[in-house]
Every structure is written in C-alpha cells, then in structure tokens.
Amino acid sequence: MITKYFQHNRSDSIGALASGLCLIHCIATPFIFLAQTCSAICCDTAPAWWTSIDFLFIGISFFAVYLSAKNTSKIWISTTLWISWIGLCLVILNEKSALISLPESTIYIPAIALVLLHLYNRKYCQCKDDTCCV
C-alpha cells in the first residue's frame, strides 16, 4: 500500500519534501532551544515528540530513496541517494547516542544532498519505460 502511494505520487517529490522538512527541522532546533533557554521556564532538553520527528523523516525518506533508486535511469544517482540516506541515518543515530563528537552542522550535508539528488533525479533521470530501470 505504501509503495503504491509513493509510486503514484512521485517518490522524488516526496523525498525532496521530506528531506527539506528534515533540514528545516534541523535548522529550527537551535532557535527553539535558544528561545527555551531565554525563557528559563522549562527543562533543558528537547521534548520527546520533537526528537522523534527525526525517525519519521528517516522512515519517509527510506521509501522515497528506495523507489527513486529503483526507478532512476542513472546508476550514480541510485548510489549517491543511498550513500546520502545512510549518512543521514548515521548522523542522526550518532546524535541520539553521542558516540562521536560531531559538529551540529554535519547533519546538513546529507540532508541537502538528498534534496538536491531527488530534485535532479526528478528532472533528468526518470525512466520513460521499464527498460531503463534497474
């Protein structure tokens, strides 16, 4: 059911949207903490619902990358989509577990890459029939 939804609604558009929203979420987080710190009313950590949004974006982007990589006409797009998605997953998992100290801006690299790759794939790499797809 989910794969049919993505196929009928263009996985690259959904992937670019999900990655873009993820990027906005990542950019907005420091400002929310700044506002929260200035008010000094509440706790010093993010609410659970805010941090769990990361996993929602990863889930949506997984299906978008899977279908886009499956239906692209260029193999390098498929490979870089998966590399970017894995990079985003690793950065988010590292952020949750704090295994390696990474700058906060590290998450922008795979998120921006996913947006750009989905947009590029949507414009230039769509199969016209089933013969070009992997």
N, C-alpha and C. Protein backbone atom coordinates (compact mmCIF):
# COMPACT_ATOMS: atom_id res chain seq x y z
N MET A 1 0.81 -1.18 0.00
CA MET A 1 0.00 0.00 0.00
C MET A 1 0.87 1.26 0.00
N ILE A 2 1.89 1.29 0.86
CA ILE A 2 2.75 2.47 0.95
C ILE A 2 3.53 2.64 -0.35
N THR A 3 4.05 1.54 -0.91
CA THR A 3 4.84 1.68 -2.14
C THR A 3 3.98 2.16 -3.29
N LYS A 4 2.72 1.74 -3.37
CA LYS A 4 1.83 2.23 -4.42
C LYS A 4 1.57 3.72 -4.25
N TYR A 5 1.44 4.15 -2.99
CA TYR A 5 1.21 5.57 -2.73
C TYR A 5 2.41 6.39 -3.23
N PHE A 6 3.62 5.91 -2.91
CA PHE A 6 4.81 6.62 -3.34
C PHE A 6 4.97 6.59 -4.86
N GLN A 7 4.66 5.45 -5.49
CA GLN A 7 4.81 5.36 -6.94
C GLN A 7 3.84 6.29 -7.65
N HIS A 8 2.65 6.40 -7.16
CA HIS A 8 1.66 7.25 -7.81
C HIS A 8 1.87 8.73 -7.50
N ASN A 9 2.59 9.04 -6.47
CA ASN A 9 2.80 10.43 -6.08
C ASN A 9 4.25 10.87 -6.21
N ARG A 10 4.99 10.23 -7.08
CA ARG A 10 6.37 10.62 -7.40
C ARG A 10 7.27 10.63 -6.18
N SER A 11 8.02 9.57 -6.05
CA SER A 11 8.89 9.40 -4.89
C SER A 11 9.94 10.50 -4.78
N ASP A 12 10.39 11.07 -5.90
CA ASP A 12 11.38 12.14 -5.81
C ASP A 12 10.79 13.40 -5.21
N SER A 13 9.56 13.73 -5.54
CA SER A 13 8.92 14.90 -4.95
C SER A 13 8.73 14.72 -3.45
N ILE A 14 8.29 13.54 -3.07
CA ILE A 14 8.09 13.24 -1.65
C ILE A 14 9.43 13.21 -0.93
N GLY A 15 10.44 12.62 -1.56
CA GLY A 15 11.77 12.56 -0.96
C GLY A 15 12.37 13.94 -0.78
N ALA A 16 12.24 14.79 -1.79
CA ALA A 16 12.76 16.16 -1.68
C ALA A 16 12.01 16.93 -0.59
N LEU A 17 10.71 16.75 -0.52
CA LEU A 17 9.90 17.41 0.50
C LEU A 17 10.29 16.93 1.89
N ALA A 18 10.39 15.61 2.07
CA ALA A 18 10.74 15.06 3.39
C ALA A 18 12.14 15.50 3.81
N SER A 19 13.09 15.48 2.88
CA SER A 19 14.45 15.91 3.20
C SER A 19 14.49 17.40 3.49
N GLY A 20 13.71 18.17 2.75
CA GLY A 20 13.64 19.61 3.01
C GLY A 20 13.03 19.92 4.37
N LEU A 21 11.97 19.20 4.73
CA LEU A 21 11.37 19.39 6.05
C LEU A 21 12.32 18.95 7.16
N CYS A 22 13.07 17.89 6.91
CA CYS A 22 14.08 17.44 7.86
C CYS A 22 15.13 18.54 8.05
N LEU A 23 15.54 19.15 6.96
CA LEU A 23 16.52 20.23 7.02
C LEU A 23 15.97 21.42 7.81
N ILE A 24 14.73 21.78 7.57
CA ILE A 24 14.10 22.87 8.32
C ILE A 24 14.01 22.50 9.80
N HIS A 25 13.67 21.26 10.09
CA HIS A 25 13.61 20.77 11.47
C HIS A 25 14.97 20.92 12.14
N CYS A 26 16.04 20.56 11.41
CA CYS A 26 17.39 20.65 11.97
C CYS A 26 17.82 22.10 12.17
N ILE A 27 17.43 22.96 11.25
CA ILE A 27 17.78 24.38 11.37
C ILE A 27 16.99 25.03 12.50
N ALA A 28 15.74 24.65 12.68
CA ALA A 28 14.88 25.28 13.69
C ALA A 28 15.23 24.87 15.11
N THR A 29 15.79 23.69 15.29
CA THR A 29 16.05 23.18 16.63
C THR A 29 16.91 24.12 17.48
N PRO A 30 18.04 24.63 16.99
CA PRO A 30 18.82 25.54 17.85
C PRO A 30 18.05 26.80 18.25
N PHE A 31 17.21 27.31 17.36
CA PHE A 31 16.44 28.51 17.69
C PHE A 31 15.39 28.22 18.75
N ILE A 32 14.82 27.03 18.70
CA ILE A 32 13.84 26.64 19.73
C ILE A 32 14.53 26.52 21.08
N PHE A 33 15.73 25.92 21.08
CA PHE A 33 16.47 25.82 22.34
C PHE A 33 16.89 27.18 22.85
N LEU A 34 17.24 28.09 21.96
CA LEU A 34 17.62 29.43 22.36
C LEU A 34 16.43 30.14 23.02
N ALA A 35 15.27 30.03 22.40
CA ALA A 35 14.07 30.64 22.97
C ALA A 35 13.73 30.00 24.31
N GLN A 36 13.92 28.70 24.39
CA GLN A 36 13.62 27.99 25.63
C GLN A 36 14.60 28.40 26.73
N THR A 37 15.87 28.55 26.39
CA THR A 37 16.86 28.95 27.36
C THR A 37 16.60 30.37 27.86
N CYS A 38 16.22 31.23 26.93
CA CYS A 38 15.95 32.62 27.31
C CYS A 38 14.76 32.72 28.27
N SER A 39 13.79 31.86 28.08
CA SER A 39 12.63 31.92 28.96
C SER A 39 12.92 31.27 30.32
N ALA A 40 13.83 30.30 30.34
CA ALA A 40 14.26 29.62 31.57
C ALA A 40 13.10 29.10 32.41
N ILE A 41 12.04 28.72 31.74
CA ILE A 41 10.88 28.22 32.46
C ILE A 41 10.89 26.69 32.53
N CYS A 42 11.28 26.07 31.46
CA CYS A 42 11.12 24.61 31.33
C CYS A 42 12.47 23.91 31.49
N CYS A 43 12.49 22.71 31.02
CA CYS A 43 13.68 21.87 31.11
C CYS A 43 14.69 22.23 30.03
N ASP A 44 15.88 21.60 30.08
CA ASP A 44 16.95 21.94 29.14
C ASP A 44 17.09 20.95 27.99
N THR A 45 16.17 20.04 27.86
CA THR A 45 16.22 19.08 26.75
C THR A 45 15.01 19.25 25.86
N ALA A 46 15.12 18.73 24.65
CA ALA A 46 14.02 18.82 23.70
C ALA A 46 12.90 17.86 24.11
N PRO A 47 11.66 18.20 23.79
CA PRO A 47 10.56 17.28 24.08
C PRO A 47 10.72 15.99 23.26
N ALA A 48 10.21 14.91 23.78
CA ALA A 48 10.34 13.61 23.11
C ALA A 48 9.71 13.63 21.73
N TRP A 49 8.58 14.30 21.57
CA TRP A 49 7.92 14.32 20.26
C TRP A 49 8.78 15.05 19.23
N TRP A 50 9.54 16.06 19.66
CA TRP A 50 10.38 16.82 18.73
C TRP A 50 11.56 15.97 18.25
N THR A 51 12.18 15.21 19.16
CA THR A 51 13.32 14.39 18.77
C THR A 51 12.89 13.15 17.99
N SER A 52 11.67 12.70 18.17
CA SER A 52 11.21 11.53 17.42
C SER A 52 10.82 11.87 15.99
N ILE A 53 10.67 13.15 15.68
CA ILE A 53 10.39 13.55 14.30
C ILE A 53 11.52 13.11 13.38
N ASP A 54 12.76 13.07 13.89
CA ASP A 54 13.90 12.61 13.09
C ASP A 54 13.63 11.23 12.49
N PHE A 55 13.08 10.34 13.29
CA PHE A 55 12.83 8.98 12.82
C PHE A 55 11.68 8.93 11.81
N LEU A 56 10.73 9.82 11.94
CA LEU A 56 9.66 9.92 10.95
C LEU A 56 10.24 10.31 9.59
N PHE A 57 11.13 11.32 9.60
CA PHE A 57 11.75 11.75 8.35
C PHE A 57 12.61 10.64 7.75
N ILE A 58 13.32 9.91 8.58
CA ILE A 58 14.16 8.81 8.08
C ILE A 58 13.28 7.74 7.45
N GLY A 59 12.16 7.42 8.07
CA GLY A 59 11.25 6.41 7.51
C GLY A 59 10.67 6.82 6.17
N ILE A 60 10.19 8.05 6.09
CA ILE A 60 9.63 8.54 4.83
C ILE A 60 10.71 8.59 3.76
N SER A 61 11.88 9.09 4.12
CA SER A 61 12.94 9.21 3.12
C SER A 61 13.46 7.84 2.68
N PHE A 62 13.38 6.82 3.55
CA PHE A 62 13.79 5.48 3.13
C PHE A 62 12.95 5.00 1.95
N PHE A 63 11.63 5.12 2.07
CA PHE A 63 10.76 4.68 0.97
C PHE A 63 10.97 5.53 -0.28
N ALA A 64 11.18 6.83 -0.10
CA ALA A 64 11.42 7.70 -1.25
C ALA A 64 12.74 7.34 -1.94
N VAL A 65 13.79 7.11 -1.17
CA VAL A 65 15.08 6.73 -1.76
C VAL A 65 14.98 5.36 -2.42
N TYR A 66 14.33 4.43 -1.76
CA TYR A 66 14.18 3.08 -2.32
C TYR A 66 13.50 3.13 -3.69
N LEU A 67 12.38 3.82 -3.79
CA LEU A 67 11.66 3.88 -5.05
C LEU A 67 12.36 4.73 -6.09
N SER A 68 12.97 5.83 -5.68
CA SER A 68 13.70 6.66 -6.62
C SER A 68 14.93 5.93 -7.16
N ALA A 69 15.65 5.24 -6.30
CA ALA A 69 16.82 4.49 -6.73
C ALA A 69 16.43 3.34 -7.66
N LYS A 70 15.29 2.76 -7.39
CA LYS A 70 14.80 1.65 -8.22
C LYS A 70 14.36 2.13 -9.61
N ASN A 71 13.85 3.33 -9.69
CA ASN A 71 13.27 3.82 -10.95
C ASN A 71 14.10 4.87 -11.67
N THR A 72 15.33 5.10 -11.24
CA THR A 72 16.14 6.10 -11.91
C THR A 72 16.79 5.51 -13.16
N SER A 73 17.15 6.39 -14.09
CA SER A 73 17.82 5.93 -15.30
C SER A 73 19.33 6.01 -15.17
N LYS A 74 19.83 6.54 -14.06
CA LYS A 74 21.28 6.67 -13.86
C LYS A 74 21.71 5.95 -12.59
N ILE A 75 22.67 5.06 -12.73
CA ILE A 75 23.14 4.26 -11.60
C ILE A 75 23.81 5.14 -10.54
N TRP A 76 24.54 6.18 -10.95
CA TRP A 76 25.23 7.01 -9.97
C TRP A 76 24.25 7.74 -9.06
N ILE A 77 23.08 8.06 -9.57
CA ILE A 77 22.05 8.70 -8.72
C ILE A 77 21.59 7.71 -7.65
N SER A 78 21.35 6.48 -8.07
CA SER A 78 20.92 5.45 -7.13
C SER A 78 21.95 5.28 -6.01
N THR A 79 23.20 5.20 -6.38
CA THR A 79 24.28 5.02 -5.40
C THR A 79 24.39 6.21 -4.46
N THR A 80 24.37 7.42 -5.00
CA THR A 80 24.52 8.60 -4.14
C THR A 80 23.28 8.85 -3.28
N LEU A 81 22.11 8.48 -3.76
CA LEU A 81 20.92 8.57 -2.92
C LEU A 81 21.08 7.69 -1.68
N TRP A 82 21.52 6.44 -1.89
CA TRP A 82 21.70 5.53 -0.76
C TRP A 82 22.82 5.98 0.16
N ILE A 83 23.92 6.48 -0.40
CA ILE A 83 25.02 6.97 0.44
C ILE A 83 24.55 8.14 1.29
N SER A 84 23.80 9.05 0.70
CA SER A 84 23.29 10.21 1.44
C SER A 84 22.31 9.78 2.52
N TRP A 85 21.43 8.82 2.19
CA TRP A 85 20.46 8.35 3.19
C TRP A 85 21.17 7.66 4.35
N ILE A 86 22.14 6.81 4.04
CA ILE A 86 22.89 6.13 5.10
C ILE A 86 23.65 7.15 5.94
N GLY A 87 24.23 8.15 5.27
CA GLY A 87 24.92 9.21 6.01
C GLY A 87 23.98 9.95 6.96
N LEU A 88 22.77 10.26 6.49
CA LEU A 88 21.79 10.94 7.34
C LEU A 88 21.40 10.06 8.53
N CYS A 89 21.20 8.78 8.27
CA CYS A 89 20.87 7.85 9.37
C CYS A 89 21.99 7.79 10.40
N LEU A 90 23.23 7.69 9.91
CA LEU A 90 24.36 7.60 10.83
C LEU A 90 24.51 8.87 11.67
N VAL A 91 24.33 10.01 11.05
CA VAL A 91 24.44 11.27 11.80
C VAL A 91 23.33 11.36 12.85
N ILE A 92 22.11 10.98 12.49
CA ILE A 92 21.00 11.04 13.45
C ILE A 92 21.21 10.03 14.58
N LEU A 93 21.62 8.82 14.23
CA LEU A 93 21.87 7.82 15.28
C LEU A 93 23.02 8.24 16.18
N ASN A 94 24.05 8.85 15.60
CA ASN A 94 25.17 9.35 16.40
C ASN A 94 24.70 10.48 17.32
N GLU A 95 23.83 11.32 16.80
CA GLU A 95 23.30 12.41 17.62
C GLU A 95 22.52 11.88 18.82
N LYS A 96 21.78 10.81 18.61
CA LYS A 96 20.98 10.23 19.70
C LYS A 96 21.86 9.51 20.72
N SER A 97 22.92 8.84 20.25
CA SER A 97 23.75 8.05 21.15
C SER A 97 25.04 8.74 21.58
N ALA A 98 25.42 9.81 20.91
CA ALA A 98 26.62 10.60 21.23
C ALA A 98 27.89 9.76 21.25
N LEU A 99 28.06 8.91 20.24
CA LEU A 99 29.26 8.09 20.15
C LEU A 99 30.48 8.91 19.74
N ILE A 100 30.32 9.74 18.73
CA ILE A 100 31.41 10.57 18.21
C ILE A 100 30.97 12.02 18.30
N SER A 101 31.88 12.87 18.70
CA SER A 101 31.56 14.29 18.78
C SER A 101 31.65 14.90 17.38
N LEU A 102 30.49 15.26 16.83
CA LEU A 102 30.41 15.87 15.51
C LEU A 102 29.79 17.25 15.63
N PRO A 103 30.19 18.17 14.77
CA PRO A 103 29.52 19.48 14.78
C PRO A 103 28.05 19.33 14.41
N GLU A 104 27.23 20.18 14.96
CA GLU A 104 25.79 20.13 14.66
C GLU A 104 25.51 20.28 13.17
N SER A 105 26.34 21.04 12.49
CA SER A 105 26.11 21.30 11.07
C SER A 105 26.37 20.08 10.18
N THR A 106 26.91 19.01 10.72
CA THR A 106 27.18 17.80 9.94
C THR A 106 25.91 17.23 9.33
N ILE A 107 24.80 17.37 10.01
CA ILE A 107 23.54 16.80 9.53
C ILE A 107 23.05 17.50 8.26
N TYR A 108 23.49 18.74 8.03
CA TYR A 108 23.04 19.46 6.84
C TYR A 108 23.58 18.86 5.55
N ILE A 109 24.75 18.26 5.59
CA ILE A 109 25.38 17.73 4.37
C ILE A 109 24.53 16.63 3.74
N PRO A 110 24.19 15.54 4.45
CA PRO A 110 23.37 14.52 3.80
C PRO A 110 21.93 14.98 3.52
N ALA A 111 21.39 15.86 4.37
CA ALA A 111 20.03 16.34 4.14
C ALA A 111 19.95 17.18 2.87
N ILE A 112 20.90 18.09 2.69
CA ILE A 112 20.93 18.90 1.47
C ILE A 112 21.21 18.03 0.26
N ALA A 113 22.10 17.05 0.41
CA ALA A 113 22.41 16.13 -0.69
C ALA A 113 21.15 15.38 -1.13
N LEU A 114 20.36 14.91 -0.19
CA LEU A 114 19.13 14.20 -0.54
C LEU A 114 18.15 15.10 -1.28
N VAL A 115 17.99 16.32 -0.82
CA VAL A 115 17.09 17.26 -1.50
C VAL A 115 17.55 17.47 -2.93
N LEU A 116 18.83 17.79 -3.11
CA LEU A 116 19.36 18.07 -4.44
C LEU A 116 19.32 16.84 -5.35
N LEU A 117 19.64 15.68 -4.82
CA LEU A 117 19.61 14.46 -5.64
C LEU A 117 18.19 14.10 -6.07
N HIS A 118 17.24 14.24 -5.17
CA HIS A 118 15.84 13.96 -5.55
C HIS A 118 15.37 14.94 -6.62
N LEU A 119 15.70 16.21 -6.46
CA LEU A 119 15.30 17.21 -7.46
C LEU A 119 15.97 16.95 -8.80
N TYR A 120 17.25 16.62 -8.78
CA TYR A 120 17.97 16.30 -10.01
C TYR A 120 17.37 15.06 -10.67
N ASN A 121 17.14 14.04 -9.88
CA ASN A 121 16.57 12.79 -10.41
C ASN A 121 15.18 13.03 -10.99
N ARG A 122 14.41 13.85 -10.33
CA ARG A 122 13.05 14.15 -10.81
C ARG A 122 13.08 14.84 -12.16
N LYS A 123 14.06 15.71 -12.36
CA LYS A 123 14.12 16.48 -13.60
C LYS A 123 14.80 15.72 -14.74
N TYR A 124 15.89 14.99 -14.45
CA TYR A 124 16.72 14.46 -15.53
C TYR A 124 16.79 12.94 -15.65
N CYS A 125 16.37 12.21 -14.65
CA CYS A 125 16.69 10.77 -14.65
C CYS A 125 15.48 9.85 -14.58
N GLN A 126 14.33 10.29 -14.98
CA GLN A 126 13.16 9.43 -14.92
C GLN A 126 13.11 8.49 -16.12
N CYS A 127 12.74 7.28 -15.87
CA CYS A 127 12.59 6.29 -16.93
C CYS A 127 11.31 6.58 -17.72
N LYS A 128 11.41 6.46 -19.01
CA LYS A 128 10.23 6.62 -19.85
C LYS A 128 9.45 5.31 -19.98
N ASP A 129 10.16 4.21 -19.78
CA ASP A 129 9.53 2.89 -19.78
C ASP A 129 10.29 2.00 -18.81
N ASP A 130 9.95 0.72 -18.74
CA ASP A 130 10.56 -0.19 -17.78
C ASP A 130 11.92 -0.71 -18.22
N THR A 131 12.38 -0.40 -19.42
CA THR A 131 13.62 -0.96 -19.91
C THR A 131 14.86 -0.32 -19.30
N CYS A 132 14.79 0.94 -18.88
CA CYS A 132 15.97 1.61 -18.36
C CYS A 132 16.14 1.45 -16.86
N CYS A 133 15.13 1.04 -16.16
CA CYS A 133 15.18 0.97 -14.71
C CYS A 133 15.89 -0.32 -14.25
N VAL A 134 16.56 -0.19 -13.11
CA VAL A 134 17.29 -1.31 -12.55
C VAL A 134 16.31 -2.32 -11.98
